[in-house]
Amino acid sequence: MSELTLTWEGERAPFAKAFIAAQKATEAVKKAATNPAFKSKYADLSEVVEAVIPALNAAGIGVIQSPAYDGDLVSMTTVLLHETGAAVTGVLHMRPTRPDPQGIGSVCTYMRRYSLLAMTGAAPEDDDGNSASAPAPANAAAFITEEQAATIQALIEDVGADTAKFLAYLKAPSLARIPAALYENAVAKLNQKRAA
């Protein structure tokens, strides 16, 4: 499950005003981290935090992120807390690729980053806008689900693979447009890389 559920507390008007000010001040999220194995760039958690937290803080909004694990799913609760006490809370649930400390830690890092981006409206610099402008398929089920895409992304990061090269191997323009029929093969290939 990879649905981000939002709930509100307190008066929305002051929060909304501050949130809009923060979004206006948020800088582009830089892809500054380098994967040394493939010399590719990506936006890691620290770059996401650096891009969004100062603007939120300047507008009177703080961020709290708290993980939990029930033995099956990892939950990441992200709270955007306004100085008036108003808050919006998002909870994201995902299944780790491995139920060991490294697998759980990897999915927690991914979820923190994904939640911050989703809840603030920020996005990493787009180095390939072509995939976003491709027409939607007649049958959306022909592609993997959002949860499956998140699983593959977490695996790619966990094994240090190059996303662009892996997508080229699958002949897919983006994670969201990986054919559903290739999902099991994609996961198996990434697990093979971990074992190597």
N, C-alpha and C. Protein backbone atom coordinates (compact mmCIF):
# COMPACT_ATOMS: atom_id res chain seq x y z
N MET A 1 0.85 -1.18 0.00
CA MET A 1 0.00 0.00 0.00
C MET A 1 0.89 1.23 0.00
N SER A 2 0.62 2.17 -0.86
CA SER A 2 1.43 3.38 -0.89
C SER A 2 0.58 4.63 -1.02
N GLU A 3 -0.55 4.64 -0.35
CA GLU A 3 -1.44 5.79 -0.39
C GLU A 3 -1.04 6.77 0.71
N LEU A 4 -0.96 8.06 0.36
CA LEU A 4 -0.66 9.09 1.34
C LEU A 4 -1.99 9.68 1.80
N THR A 5 -2.34 9.44 3.07
CA THR A 5 -3.59 9.91 3.64
C THR A 5 -3.33 11.18 4.44
N LEU A 6 -4.10 12.25 4.16
CA LEU A 6 -3.92 13.54 4.85
C LEU A 6 -5.07 13.82 5.80
N THR A 7 -4.76 14.41 6.95
CA THR A 7 -5.78 14.88 7.89
C THR A 7 -5.39 16.27 8.37
N TRP A 8 -6.41 17.07 8.69
CA TRP A 8 -6.20 18.45 9.16
C TRP A 8 -6.57 18.58 10.62
N GLU A 9 -5.88 19.51 11.31
CA GLU A 9 -6.24 19.90 12.67
C GLU A 9 -6.10 21.41 12.76
N GLY A 10 -7.00 22.05 13.47
CA GLY A 10 -6.89 23.49 13.71
C GLY A 10 -7.45 24.33 12.57
N GLU A 11 -7.28 25.64 12.72
CA GLU A 11 -7.80 26.58 11.75
C GLU A 11 -6.94 26.58 10.49
N ARG A 12 -7.60 26.43 9.34
CA ARG A 12 -6.87 26.31 8.09
C ARG A 12 -6.36 27.64 7.54
N ALA A 13 -7.05 28.73 7.77
CA ALA A 13 -6.71 30.00 7.12
C ALA A 13 -5.27 30.45 7.41
N PRO A 14 -4.82 30.51 8.68
CA PRO A 14 -3.43 30.93 8.92
C PRO A 14 -2.42 29.93 8.35
N PHE A 15 -2.77 28.66 8.46
CA PHE A 15 -1.88 27.62 7.92
C PHE A 15 -1.77 27.79 6.41
N ALA A 16 -2.89 27.96 5.74
CA ALA A 16 -2.90 28.08 4.28
C ALA A 16 -2.07 29.27 3.83
N LYS A 17 -2.22 30.41 4.51
CA LYS A 17 -1.45 31.61 4.15
C LYS A 17 0.06 31.34 4.28
N ALA A 18 0.45 30.72 5.39
CA ALA A 18 1.86 30.42 5.62
C ALA A 18 2.36 29.37 4.62
N PHE A 19 1.53 28.39 4.33
CA PHE A 19 1.93 27.32 3.42
C PHE A 19 2.17 27.86 2.01
N ILE A 20 1.29 28.74 1.56
CA ILE A 20 1.46 29.34 0.24
C ILE A 20 2.74 30.18 0.20
N ALA A 21 3.01 30.93 1.26
CA ALA A 21 4.25 31.72 1.32
C ALA A 21 5.46 30.79 1.26
N ALA A 22 5.38 29.66 1.96
CA ALA A 22 6.49 28.71 1.96
C ALA A 22 6.69 28.11 0.58
N GLN A 23 5.60 27.76 -0.09
CA GLN A 23 5.74 27.20 -1.44
C GLN A 23 6.37 28.20 -2.39
N LYS A 24 6.00 29.47 -2.26
CA LYS A 24 6.59 30.49 -3.12
C LYS A 24 8.09 30.62 -2.88
N ALA A 25 8.52 30.37 -1.67
CA ALA A 25 9.94 30.53 -1.32
C ALA A 25 10.75 29.26 -1.51
N THR A 26 10.09 28.14 -1.77
CA THR A 26 10.80 26.87 -1.90
C THR A 26 11.62 26.86 -3.18
N GLU A 27 12.86 26.47 -3.05
CA GLU A 27 13.75 26.39 -4.20
C GLU A 27 13.59 25.04 -4.88
N ALA A 28 14.05 24.95 -6.11
CA ALA A 28 14.03 23.67 -6.82
C ALA A 28 14.89 22.67 -6.06
N VAL A 29 14.43 21.43 -6.02
CA VAL A 29 15.19 20.38 -5.36
C VAL A 29 16.29 19.93 -6.31
N LYS A 30 17.52 20.08 -5.89
CA LYS A 30 18.68 19.77 -6.74
C LYS A 30 18.98 18.28 -6.71
N LYS A 31 19.36 17.76 -7.86
CA LYS A 31 19.85 16.39 -7.94
C LYS A 31 21.37 16.48 -7.81
N ALA A 32 21.84 16.56 -6.57
CA ALA A 32 23.27 16.79 -6.34
C ALA A 32 24.01 15.55 -5.86
N ALA A 33 23.28 14.54 -5.37
CA ALA A 33 23.95 13.33 -4.90
C ALA A 33 24.39 12.52 -6.12
N THR A 34 25.51 11.85 -5.99
CA THR A 34 26.04 11.06 -7.10
C THR A 34 26.11 9.61 -6.70
N ASN A 35 25.63 8.76 -7.60
CA ASN A 35 25.78 7.33 -7.44
C ASN A 35 27.15 6.98 -8.02
N PRO A 36 28.15 6.66 -7.18
CA PRO A 36 29.51 6.47 -7.69
C PRO A 36 29.65 5.30 -8.66
N ALA A 37 28.80 4.29 -8.52
CA ALA A 37 28.92 3.12 -9.41
C ALA A 37 28.57 3.47 -10.85
N PHE A 38 27.58 4.37 -11.04
CA PHE A 38 27.13 4.69 -12.39
C PHE A 38 27.25 6.16 -12.74
N LYS A 39 27.77 6.97 -11.81
CA LYS A 39 27.96 8.41 -12.03
C LYS A 39 26.66 9.10 -12.44
N SER A 40 25.56 8.71 -11.82
CA SER A 40 24.27 9.36 -12.09
C SER A 40 23.94 10.30 -10.93
N LYS A 41 23.08 11.26 -11.19
CA LYS A 41 22.67 12.23 -10.18
C LYS A 41 21.24 11.93 -9.73
N TYR A 42 20.99 12.19 -8.45
CA TYR A 42 19.65 12.06 -7.91
C TYR A 42 19.52 13.00 -6.71
N ALA A 43 18.28 13.28 -6.32
CA ALA A 43 18.02 14.14 -5.16
C ALA A 43 17.86 13.23 -3.95
N ASP A 44 18.81 13.29 -3.03
CA ASP A 44 18.68 12.46 -1.83
C ASP A 44 17.86 13.21 -0.78
N LEU A 45 17.64 12.57 0.35
CA LEU A 45 16.81 13.15 1.41
C LEU A 45 17.35 14.50 1.87
N SER A 46 18.67 14.63 2.00
CA SER A 46 19.22 15.90 2.49
C SER A 46 18.94 17.04 1.51
N GLU A 47 18.96 16.77 0.21
CA GLU A 47 18.66 17.82 -0.76
C GLU A 47 17.18 18.22 -0.71
N VAL A 48 16.31 17.24 -0.48
CA VAL A 48 14.88 17.56 -0.35
C VAL A 48 14.66 18.41 0.89
N VAL A 49 15.26 18.00 2.01
CA VAL A 49 15.14 18.77 3.25
C VAL A 49 15.68 20.18 3.07
N GLU A 50 16.85 20.30 2.45
CA GLU A 50 17.47 21.60 2.23
C GLU A 50 16.61 22.52 1.35
N ALA A 51 15.87 21.94 0.43
CA ALA A 51 15.03 22.73 -0.47
C ALA A 51 13.72 23.18 0.16
N VAL A 52 13.14 22.35 1.04
CA VAL A 52 11.79 22.68 1.53
C VAL A 52 11.74 23.19 2.97
N ILE A 53 12.58 22.69 3.86
CA ILE A 53 12.46 23.03 5.28
C ILE A 53 12.73 24.51 5.56
N PRO A 54 13.78 25.13 5.00
CA PRO A 54 14.00 26.56 5.30
C PRO A 54 12.81 27.44 4.91
N ALA A 55 12.20 27.17 3.77
CA ALA A 55 11.05 27.97 3.34
C ALA A 55 9.86 27.73 4.27
N LEU A 56 9.64 26.47 4.68
CA LEU A 56 8.56 26.18 5.62
C LEU A 56 8.82 26.87 6.95
N ASN A 57 10.03 26.75 7.47
CA ASN A 57 10.38 27.36 8.75
C ASN A 57 10.21 28.87 8.71
N ALA A 58 10.64 29.51 7.62
CA ALA A 58 10.51 30.96 7.49
C ALA A 58 9.05 31.40 7.50
N ALA A 59 8.15 30.51 7.10
CA ALA A 59 6.72 30.82 7.10
C ALA A 59 6.03 30.36 8.38
N GLY A 60 6.82 29.87 9.35
CA GLY A 60 6.23 29.46 10.63
C GLY A 60 5.72 28.03 10.64
N ILE A 61 6.24 27.19 9.76
CA ILE A 61 5.80 25.79 9.68
C ILE A 61 6.99 24.89 9.96
N GLY A 62 6.81 23.96 10.89
CA GLY A 62 7.84 22.96 11.18
C GLY A 62 7.42 21.61 10.63
N VAL A 63 8.38 20.70 10.54
CA VAL A 63 8.12 19.36 10.02
C VAL A 63 8.53 18.31 11.05
N ILE A 64 7.65 17.35 11.27
CA ILE A 64 7.96 16.21 12.14
C ILE A 64 7.70 14.96 11.32
N GLN A 65 8.67 14.03 11.30
CA GLN A 65 8.47 12.76 10.59
C GLN A 65 8.78 11.62 11.55
N SER A 66 7.86 10.66 11.59
CA SER A 66 8.00 9.56 12.55
C SER A 66 7.66 8.23 11.87
N PRO A 67 8.60 7.27 11.88
CA PRO A 67 8.33 5.97 11.28
C PRO A 67 7.75 4.98 12.29
N ALA A 68 7.09 3.97 11.76
CA ALA A 68 6.61 2.84 12.56
C ALA A 68 6.63 1.61 11.68
N TYR A 69 6.76 0.43 12.30
CA TYR A 69 6.80 -0.83 11.55
C TYR A 69 5.98 -1.85 12.32
N ASP A 70 5.01 -2.47 11.64
CA ASP A 70 4.13 -3.44 12.30
C ASP A 70 4.49 -4.89 11.98
N GLY A 71 5.67 -5.10 11.40
CA GLY A 71 6.08 -6.44 11.01
C GLY A 71 5.74 -6.76 9.57
N ASP A 72 4.92 -5.92 8.94
CA ASP A 72 4.54 -6.09 7.54
C ASP A 72 4.74 -4.80 6.77
N LEU A 73 4.08 -3.73 7.23
CA LEU A 73 4.17 -2.43 6.56
C LEU A 73 4.93 -1.42 7.40
N VAL A 74 5.68 -0.57 6.72
CA VAL A 74 6.31 0.57 7.37
C VAL A 74 5.38 1.74 7.18
N SER A 75 5.16 2.52 8.21
CA SER A 75 4.34 3.74 8.13
C SER A 75 5.25 4.93 8.40
N MET A 76 5.05 5.98 7.62
CA MET A 76 5.78 7.23 7.85
C MET A 76 4.74 8.32 8.06
N THR A 77 4.71 8.87 9.27
CA THR A 77 3.80 9.97 9.57
C THR A 77 4.58 11.28 9.44
N THR A 78 4.08 12.17 8.60
CA THR A 78 4.70 13.48 8.40
C THR A 78 3.71 14.54 8.83
N VAL A 79 4.14 15.41 9.73
CA VAL A 79 3.28 16.48 10.23
C VAL A 79 3.88 17.82 9.82
N LEU A 80 3.08 18.65 9.15
CA LEU A 80 3.45 20.04 8.89
C LEU A 80 2.72 20.85 9.94
N LEU A 81 3.44 21.37 10.92
CA LEU A 81 2.88 22.03 12.09
C LEU A 81 3.10 23.53 12.01
N HIS A 82 1.99 24.28 12.00
CA HIS A 82 2.07 25.74 11.96
C HIS A 82 2.21 26.28 13.37
N GLU A 83 2.83 27.44 13.50
CA GLU A 83 3.07 28.04 14.81
C GLU A 83 1.78 28.35 15.56
N THR A 84 0.63 28.41 14.88
CA THR A 84 -0.66 28.63 15.55
C THR A 84 -1.19 27.35 16.18
N GLY A 85 -0.56 26.22 15.86
CA GLY A 85 -1.03 24.93 16.34
C GLY A 85 -1.79 24.15 15.29
N ALA A 86 -2.17 24.79 14.19
CA ALA A 86 -2.82 24.08 13.09
C ALA A 86 -1.80 23.13 12.45
N ALA A 87 -2.29 22.02 11.94
CA ALA A 87 -1.38 21.04 11.35
C ALA A 87 -2.08 20.25 10.26
N VAL A 88 -1.29 19.78 9.32
CA VAL A 88 -1.75 18.79 8.36
C VAL A 88 -0.81 17.60 8.52
N THR A 89 -1.41 16.42 8.60
CA THR A 89 -0.66 15.19 8.83
C THR A 89 -0.87 14.25 7.66
N GLY A 90 0.20 13.69 7.17
CA GLY A 90 0.13 12.69 6.12
C GLY A 90 0.73 11.39 6.61
N VAL A 91 0.08 10.28 6.31
CA VAL A 91 0.61 8.98 6.69
C VAL A 91 0.74 8.14 5.42
N LEU A 92 1.94 7.64 5.20
CA LEU A 92 2.24 6.81 4.04
C LEU A 92 2.61 5.42 4.53
N HIS A 93 2.07 4.40 3.90
CA HIS A 93 2.36 3.01 4.25
C HIS A 93 3.02 2.32 3.06
N MET A 94 4.08 1.59 3.32
CA MET A 94 4.73 0.81 2.26
C MET A 94 5.29 -0.47 2.84
N ARG A 95 5.38 -1.48 2.00
CA ARG A 95 5.99 -2.74 2.39
C ARG A 95 7.48 -2.67 2.03
N PRO A 96 8.37 -2.92 2.98
CA PRO A 96 9.80 -2.89 2.64
C PRO A 96 10.15 -4.05 1.71
N THR A 97 11.19 -3.86 0.89
CA THR A 97 11.61 -4.92 -0.01
C THR A 97 12.23 -6.09 0.76
N ARG A 98 12.79 -5.78 1.94
CA ARG A 98 13.34 -6.80 2.83
C ARG A 98 12.96 -6.42 4.25
N PRO A 99 12.55 -7.39 5.08
CA PRO A 99 12.15 -7.07 6.46
C PRO A 99 13.31 -7.08 7.45
N ASP A 100 14.49 -6.62 6.99
CA ASP A 100 15.64 -6.52 7.89
C ASP A 100 15.95 -5.04 8.12
N PRO A 101 16.84 -4.71 9.05
CA PRO A 101 17.11 -3.30 9.34
C PRO A 101 17.49 -2.47 8.11
N GLN A 102 18.29 -3.05 7.20
CA GLN A 102 18.69 -2.30 6.02
C GLN A 102 17.49 -2.04 5.09
N GLY A 103 16.66 -3.04 4.89
CA GLY A 103 15.48 -2.88 4.05
C GLY A 103 14.49 -1.90 4.63
N ILE A 104 14.28 -1.96 5.94
CA ILE A 104 13.36 -1.05 6.61
C ILE A 104 13.94 0.37 6.61
N GLY A 105 15.23 0.50 6.86
CA GLY A 105 15.87 1.81 6.83
C GLY A 105 15.79 2.44 5.45
N SER A 106 16.00 1.63 4.41
CA SER A 106 15.94 2.13 3.04
C SER A 106 14.55 2.65 2.69
N VAL A 107 13.53 1.89 3.05
CA VAL A 107 12.17 2.34 2.73
C VAL A 107 11.79 3.55 3.57
N CYS A 108 12.29 3.66 4.80
CA CYS A 108 12.02 4.84 5.63
C CYS A 108 12.61 6.10 4.99
N THR A 109 13.84 6.00 4.51
CA THR A 109 14.47 7.15 3.84
C THR A 109 13.67 7.54 2.61
N TYR A 110 13.30 6.55 1.80
CA TYR A 110 12.51 6.81 0.60
C TYR A 110 11.18 7.47 0.98
N MET A 111 10.50 6.95 2.00
CA MET A 111 9.19 7.48 2.41
C MET A 111 9.30 8.90 2.95
N ARG A 112 10.35 9.19 3.71
CA ARG A 112 10.54 10.56 4.22
C ARG A 112 10.65 11.53 3.05
N ARG A 113 11.47 11.16 2.08
CA ARG A 113 11.68 12.02 0.91
C ARG A 113 10.39 12.16 0.09
N TYR A 114 9.76 11.04 -0.20
CA TYR A 114 8.53 11.02 -0.99
C TYR A 114 7.43 11.84 -0.29
N SER A 115 7.28 11.66 1.01
CA SER A 115 6.24 12.38 1.77
C SER A 115 6.48 13.88 1.76
N LEU A 116 7.74 14.28 1.98
CA LEU A 116 8.06 15.72 1.97
C LEU A 116 7.77 16.34 0.61
N LEU A 117 8.16 15.64 -0.45
CA LEU A 117 7.89 16.16 -1.79
C LEU A 117 6.39 16.24 -2.05
N ALA A 118 5.67 15.17 -1.72
CA ALA A 118 4.23 15.13 -1.99
C ALA A 118 3.46 16.16 -1.18
N MET A 119 3.81 16.32 0.09
CA MET A 119 3.05 17.22 0.96
C MET A 119 3.37 18.69 0.74
N THR A 120 4.55 18.99 0.19
CA THR A 120 4.91 20.39 -0.03
C THR A 120 4.73 20.82 -1.48
N GLY A 121 4.52 19.88 -2.37
CA GLY A 121 4.38 20.21 -3.78
C GLY A 121 5.71 20.45 -4.47
N ALA A 122 6.82 20.14 -3.80
CA ALA A 122 8.15 20.31 -4.38
C ALA A 122 8.46 19.12 -5.28
N ALA A 123 9.43 19.30 -6.16
CA ALA A 123 9.83 18.21 -7.06
C ALA A 123 11.30 18.38 -7.43
N PRO A 124 12.00 17.25 -7.62
CA PRO A 124 13.38 17.35 -8.09
C PRO A 124 13.40 17.95 -9.49
N GLU A 125 14.54 18.55 -9.84
CA GLU A 125 14.70 19.08 -11.18
C GLU A 125 14.43 17.97 -12.17
N ASP A 126 13.65 18.27 -13.20
CA ASP A 126 13.30 17.27 -14.20
C ASP A 126 14.36 17.26 -15.29
N ASP A 127 15.04 16.12 -15.43
CA ASP A 127 16.04 16.04 -16.49
C ASP A 127 15.52 15.25 -17.68
N ASP A 128 14.26 14.84 -17.61
CA ASP A 128 13.67 14.14 -18.75
C ASP A 128 12.18 14.40 -18.76
N GLY A 129 11.78 15.54 -19.28
CA GLY A 129 10.37 15.88 -19.35
C GLY A 129 9.62 15.13 -20.43
N ASN A 130 10.34 14.42 -21.31
CA ASN A 130 9.67 13.74 -22.41
C ASN A 130 8.72 12.66 -21.91
N SER A 131 9.10 11.93 -20.85
CA SER A 131 8.23 10.85 -20.38
C SER A 131 6.94 11.40 -19.79
N ALA A 132 7.00 12.59 -19.19
CA ALA A 132 5.80 13.17 -18.61
C ALA A 132 4.81 13.63 -19.67
N SER A 133 5.30 13.93 -20.88
CA SER A 133 4.41 14.42 -21.93
C SER A 133 3.92 13.31 -22.83
N ALA A 134 4.30 12.08 -22.55
CA ALA A 134 3.84 10.96 -23.37
C ALA A 134 2.35 10.74 -23.15
N PRO A 135 1.62 10.31 -24.18
CA PRO A 135 0.19 10.10 -24.03
C PRO A 135 -0.10 8.97 -23.04
N ALA A 136 -1.22 9.10 -22.35
CA ALA A 136 -1.64 8.07 -21.40
C ALA A 136 -2.06 6.82 -22.17
N PRO A 137 -1.81 5.65 -21.62
CA PRO A 137 -2.19 4.43 -22.33
C PRO A 137 -3.70 4.26 -22.33
N ALA A 138 -4.18 3.55 -23.35
CA ALA A 138 -5.62 3.27 -23.41
C ALA A 138 -6.02 2.40 -22.23
N ASN A 139 -5.11 1.54 -21.79
CA ASN A 139 -5.38 0.66 -20.66
C ASN A 139 -4.33 0.95 -19.59
N ALA A 140 -4.70 1.73 -18.57
CA ALA A 140 -3.74 2.13 -17.54
C ALA A 140 -3.16 0.94 -16.80
N ALA A 141 -3.89 -0.19 -16.76
CA ALA A 141 -3.41 -1.38 -16.08
C ALA A 141 -2.22 -2.00 -16.82
N ALA A 142 -1.91 -1.49 -18.02
CA ALA A 142 -0.78 -2.02 -18.77
C ALA A 142 0.54 -1.66 -18.10
N PHE A 143 0.52 -0.67 -17.18
CA PHE A 143 1.73 -0.24 -16.50
C PHE A 143 1.66 -0.61 -15.02
N ILE A 144 2.83 -0.62 -14.37
CA ILE A 144 2.88 -0.97 -12.96
C ILE A 144 2.13 0.07 -12.13
N THR A 145 1.74 -0.34 -10.93
CA THR A 145 1.03 0.56 -10.02
C THR A 145 2.00 1.52 -9.36
N GLU A 146 1.47 2.54 -8.70
CA GLU A 146 2.31 3.49 -7.97
C GLU A 146 3.10 2.78 -6.88
N GLU A 147 2.47 1.82 -6.21
CA GLU A 147 3.16 1.06 -5.16
C GLU A 147 4.31 0.25 -5.75
N GLN A 148 4.07 -0.39 -6.90
CA GLN A 148 5.13 -1.16 -7.54
C GLN A 148 6.27 -0.26 -7.99
N ALA A 149 5.95 0.93 -8.51
CA ALA A 149 6.98 1.89 -8.91
C ALA A 149 7.82 2.30 -7.70
N ALA A 150 7.15 2.53 -6.56
CA ALA A 150 7.86 2.91 -5.34
C ALA A 150 8.77 1.78 -4.87
N THR A 151 8.29 0.55 -5.00
CA THR A 151 9.10 -0.61 -4.61
C THR A 151 10.35 -0.70 -5.48
N ILE A 152 10.18 -0.52 -6.80
CA ILE A 152 11.32 -0.58 -7.71
C ILE A 152 12.29 0.56 -7.41
N GLN A 153 11.76 1.77 -7.15
CA GLN A 153 12.63 2.91 -6.83
C GLN A 153 13.43 2.64 -5.57
N ALA A 154 12.78 2.09 -4.55
CA ALA A 154 13.48 1.78 -3.30
C ALA A 154 14.56 0.72 -3.54
N LEU A 155 14.26 -0.27 -4.37
CA LEU A 155 15.26 -1.30 -4.69
C LEU A 155 16.44 -0.71 -5.45
N ILE A 156 16.15 0.17 -6.42
CA ILE A 156 17.21 0.81 -7.20
C ILE A 156 18.15 1.55 -6.27
N GLU A 157 17.59 2.31 -5.34
CA GLU A 157 18.41 3.06 -4.39
C GLU A 157 19.16 2.14 -3.46
N ASP A 158 18.50 1.07 -3.03
CA ASP A 158 19.10 0.14 -2.08
C ASP A 158 20.33 -0.56 -2.67
N VAL A 159 20.26 -0.93 -3.96
CA VAL A 159 21.38 -1.66 -4.58
C VAL A 159 22.35 -0.74 -5.30
N GLY A 160 22.06 0.57 -5.34
CA GLY A 160 22.97 1.52 -5.99
C GLY A 160 22.94 1.45 -7.50
N ALA A 161 21.79 1.08 -8.06
CA ALA A 161 21.67 1.01 -9.52
C ALA A 161 21.42 2.40 -10.10
N ASP A 162 21.65 2.54 -11.38
CA ASP A 162 21.40 3.77 -12.10
C ASP A 162 19.98 3.70 -12.69
N THR A 163 19.11 4.60 -12.27
CA THR A 163 17.72 4.56 -12.70
C THR A 163 17.60 4.64 -14.21
N ALA A 164 18.31 5.57 -14.84
CA ALA A 164 18.20 5.74 -16.29
C ALA A 164 18.63 4.49 -17.03
N LYS A 165 19.74 3.88 -16.59
CA LYS A 165 20.22 2.66 -17.26
C LYS A 165 19.26 1.50 -17.04
N PHE A 166 18.69 1.43 -15.84
CA PHE A 166 17.75 0.35 -15.57
C PHE A 166 16.48 0.51 -16.41
N LEU A 167 15.99 1.75 -16.53
CA LEU A 167 14.82 2.00 -17.37
C LEU A 167 15.14 1.70 -18.83
N ALA A 168 16.35 2.02 -19.28
CA ALA A 168 16.74 1.70 -20.66
C ALA A 168 16.75 0.18 -20.87
N TYR A 169 17.25 -0.55 -19.86
CA TYR A 169 17.24 -2.01 -19.94
C TYR A 169 15.81 -2.54 -20.10
N LEU A 170 14.86 -1.92 -19.37
CA LEU A 170 13.45 -2.34 -19.45
C LEU A 170 12.72 -1.74 -20.66
N LYS A 171 13.39 -0.81 -21.35
CA LYS A 171 12.78 -0.08 -22.47
C LYS A 171 11.54 0.67 -22.02
N ALA A 172 11.66 1.35 -20.87
CA ALA A 172 10.55 2.13 -20.30
C ALA A 172 11.01 3.57 -20.15
N PRO A 173 10.16 4.56 -20.47
CA PRO A 173 10.56 5.97 -20.36
C PRO A 173 10.62 6.49 -18.93
N SER A 174 9.91 5.84 -18.01
CA SER A 174 9.90 6.27 -16.62
C SER A 174 9.46 5.09 -15.76
N LEU A 175 9.62 5.23 -14.44
CA LEU A 175 9.17 4.18 -13.53
C LEU A 175 7.68 3.92 -13.68
N ALA A 176 6.90 4.99 -13.80
CA ALA A 176 5.45 4.85 -13.89
C ALA A 176 5.00 4.16 -15.18
N ARG A 177 5.88 4.13 -16.18
CA ARG A 177 5.51 3.55 -17.47
C ARG A 177 6.24 2.23 -17.74
N ILE A 178 6.65 1.56 -16.66
CA ILE A 178 7.18 0.20 -16.81
C ILE A 178 5.99 -0.71 -17.07
N PRO A 179 6.02 -1.51 -18.13
CA PRO A 179 4.91 -2.42 -18.39
C PRO A 179 4.68 -3.37 -17.21
N ALA A 180 3.42 -3.57 -16.86
CA ALA A 180 3.08 -4.42 -15.72
C ALA A 180 3.66 -5.82 -15.88
N ALA A 181 3.75 -6.30 -17.10
CA ALA A 181 4.26 -7.65 -17.36
C ALA A 181 5.75 -7.78 -17.01
N LEU A 182 6.46 -6.64 -16.88
CA LEU A 182 7.89 -6.68 -16.58
C LEU A 182 8.20 -6.48 -15.09
N TYR A 183 7.18 -6.28 -14.27
CA TYR A 183 7.42 -5.96 -12.86
C TYR A 183 8.24 -7.05 -12.15
N GLU A 184 7.79 -8.30 -12.24
CA GLU A 184 8.48 -9.39 -11.54
C GLU A 184 9.92 -9.52 -12.02
N ASN A 185 10.16 -9.38 -13.33
CA ASN A 185 11.50 -9.45 -13.88
C ASN A 185 12.37 -8.31 -13.35
N ALA A 186 11.79 -7.11 -13.27
CA ALA A 186 12.53 -5.94 -12.77
C ALA A 186 12.98 -6.16 -11.33
N VAL A 187 12.07 -6.63 -10.49
CA VAL A 187 12.40 -6.89 -9.08
C VAL A 187 13.46 -7.99 -8.98
N ALA A 188 13.31 -9.04 -9.78
CA ALA A 188 14.28 -10.15 -9.75
C ALA A 188 15.68 -9.66 -10.16
N LYS A 189 15.76 -8.83 -11.20
CA LYS A 189 17.06 -8.31 -11.65
C LYS A 189 17.72 -7.47 -10.57
N LEU A 190 16.93 -6.62 -9.91
CA LEU A 190 17.50 -5.78 -8.85
C LEU A 190 17.93 -6.62 -7.66
N ASN A 191 17.17 -7.67 -7.32
CA ASN A 191 17.58 -8.56 -6.23
C ASN A 191 18.84 -9.34 -6.59
N GLN A 192 19.00 -9.67 -7.88
CA GLN A 192 20.23 -10.34 -8.34
C GLN A 192 21.43 -9.42 -8.14
N LYS A 193 21.24 -8.13 -8.43
CA LYS A 193 22.33 -7.16 -8.27
C LYS A 193 22.72 -7.06 -6.81
N ARG A 194 21.73 -7.13 -5.90
CA ARG A 194 22.04 -7.08 -4.47
C ARG A 194 22.87 -8.29 -4.06
N ALA A 195 22.52 -9.44 -4.61
CA ALA A 195 23.21 -10.69 -4.23
C ALA A 195 24.62 -10.77 -4.81
N ALA A 196 24.88 -10.02 -5.88
CA ALA A 196 26.19 -10.11 -6.57
C ALA A 196 27.31 -9.53 -5.73
